[in-house]
Amino acid sequence: MARTASKRGKDETKAAEKKVKATDKPVGGARGGITAPVTPSPELAEIVGKEDLPRSEVVSKVWDYIKKNDLQDEKDRRNINADDKLEKIFGKKQSSMFEMNKHLSRHLAAVKA
């Protein structure tokens, strides 16, 4: 009987946890870049929370905030009209979605291991 992708993923996760416990070192693989935990600035924490989280989750939470507060420009959905909280992050009243990661990076600090 073939294993499903979900079962295989759980087995790989368990093996990784076992390796970490045995060696006290993190498992290799995609642990940097977008999956590395980051600490949000106080301004960004107003939107995404204070806890450390991966950069991908920060971007996801910012998009949730933008959609929840209907901040995409009506005429050009690629532009984001900043409210008071987002203006602190962007430094201006409007930013394109393509600039957003640049603005976010100024408000994220890498978590020291």
Protein backbone atom coordinates (compact mmCIF):
# COMPACT_ATOMS: atom_id res chain seq x y z
CA MET A 1 0.00 0.00 0.00
CA ALA A 2 1.46 3.38 -1.04
CA ARG A 3 1.89 6.11 1.54
CA THR A 4 0.01 9.34 1.02
CA ALA A 5 1.84 12.67 0.79
CA SER A 6 0.37 13.73 4.13
CA LYS A 7 1.60 10.57 5.87
CA ARG A 8 5.04 10.96 4.28
CA GLY A 9 5.21 14.60 5.42
CA LYS A 10 4.37 13.62 9.01
CA ASP A 11 7.05 10.93 8.97
CA GLU A 12 9.62 13.43 7.70
CA THR A 13 8.63 15.91 10.41
CA LYS A 14 8.99 13.27 13.12
CA ALA A 15 12.40 12.25 11.75
CA ALA A 16 13.51 15.91 11.75
CA GLU A 17 12.34 16.38 15.36
CA LYS A 18 14.20 13.23 16.39
CA LYS A 19 17.40 14.49 14.70
CA VAL A 20 17.15 17.86 16.46
CA LYS A 21 16.74 16.19 19.86
CA ALA A 22 19.65 13.83 19.23
CA THR A 23 22.14 16.42 17.94
CA ASP A 24 20.89 19.69 19.46
CA LYS A 25 21.35 21.21 16.00
CA PRO A 26 18.62 22.38 13.64
CA VAL A 27 17.78 20.17 10.72
CA GLY A 28 19.20 21.21 7.34
CA GLY A 29 16.99 22.30 4.52
CA ALA A 30 14.90 25.42 4.02
CA ARG A 31 15.49 27.14 7.36
CA GLY A 32 16.58 30.53 6.08
CA GLY A 33 15.11 33.17 3.85
CA ILE A 34 11.35 33.33 3.87
CA THR A 35 10.99 30.57 6.50
CA ALA A 36 13.48 32.07 8.98
CA PRO A 37 11.79 33.62 12.02
CA VAL A 38 11.89 37.41 12.28
CA THR A 39 10.93 39.90 14.98
CA PRO A 40 8.54 42.68 13.92
CA SER A 41 9.17 46.30 14.93
CA PRO A 42 6.69 47.86 17.40
CA GLU A 43 4.94 49.60 14.47
CA LEU A 44 4.56 46.36 12.51
CA ALA A 45 3.59 44.46 15.67
CA GLU A 46 0.40 46.56 15.79
CA ILE A 47 -0.66 44.68 12.65
CA VAL A 48 0.94 41.21 12.89
CA GLY A 49 1.46 40.72 16.64
CA LYS A 50 4.59 40.79 18.80
CA GLU A 51 5.72 37.17 18.49
CA ASP A 52 8.54 36.03 16.19
CA LEU A 53 7.23 34.46 13.01
CA PRO A 54 8.43 33.57 9.49
CA ARG A 55 8.61 36.38 6.93
CA SER A 56 6.01 34.56 4.82
CA GLU A 57 3.55 34.69 7.73
CA VAL A 58 4.24 38.41 8.23
CA VAL A 59 3.36 39.10 4.58
CA SER A 60 0.25 36.93 4.88
CA LYS A 61 -0.94 38.78 8.00
CA VAL A 62 -0.32 42.17 6.40
CA TRP A 63 -2.40 41.10 3.37
CA ASP A 64 -5.16 39.88 5.71
CA TYR A 65 -5.10 43.33 7.37
CA ILE A 66 -5.21 45.11 4.00
CA LYS A 67 -8.16 43.05 2.79
CA LYS A 68 -10.03 43.23 6.11
CA ASN A 69 -9.78 47.03 6.12
CA ASP A 70 -10.42 47.37 2.35
CA LEU A 71 -7.18 49.28 1.74
CA GLN A 72 -6.57 48.29 -1.89
CA ASP A 73 -7.10 51.19 -4.27
CA GLU A 74 -10.44 50.97 -6.12
CA LYS A 75 -9.02 52.07 -9.49
CA ASP A 76 -5.73 50.15 -9.35
CA ARG A 77 -5.85 47.13 -7.05
CA ARG A 78 -2.03 46.89 -7.17
CA ASN A 79 -1.84 49.99 -4.97
CA ILE A 80 -2.44 49.99 -1.24
CA ASN A 81 -3.92 53.07 0.43
CA ALA A 82 -2.29 53.20 3.83
CA ASP A 83 -4.27 53.88 6.98
CA ASP A 84 -2.48 55.31 10.05
CA LYS A 85 -0.87 51.96 10.99
CA LEU A 86 0.35 51.13 7.48
CA GLU A 87 1.59 54.67 6.89
CA LYS A 88 4.08 54.09 9.74
CA ILE A 89 5.35 51.03 7.83
CA PHE A 90 5.30 52.45 4.28
CA GLY A 91 6.37 55.99 5.15
CA LYS A 92 3.74 57.37 2.77
CA LYS A 93 0.00 57.33 2.10
CA GLN A 94 0.10 54.91 -0.84
CA SER A 95 2.41 52.10 -1.90
CA SER A 96 2.30 49.47 -4.61
CA MET A 97 2.09 45.81 -3.67
CA PHE A 98 5.48 45.38 -5.34
CA GLU A 99 7.10 47.85 -2.92
CA MET A 100 5.47 46.33 0.14
CA ASN A 101 8.21 43.76 0.90
CA LYS A 102 10.87 46.49 0.74
CA HIS A 103 8.95 48.52 3.33
CA LEU A 104 8.33 45.46 5.51
CA SER A 105 12.00 44.48 5.53
CA ARG A 106 12.87 47.74 7.32
CA HIS A 107 10.57 46.65 10.14
CA LEU A 108 11.85 43.10 10.55
CA ALA A 109 14.87 41.91 12.50
CA ALA A 110 16.37 38.45 12.19
CA VAL A 111 16.00 36.28 15.28
CA LYS A 112 19.42 35.46 16.73
CA ALA A 113 19.98 31.75 17.27
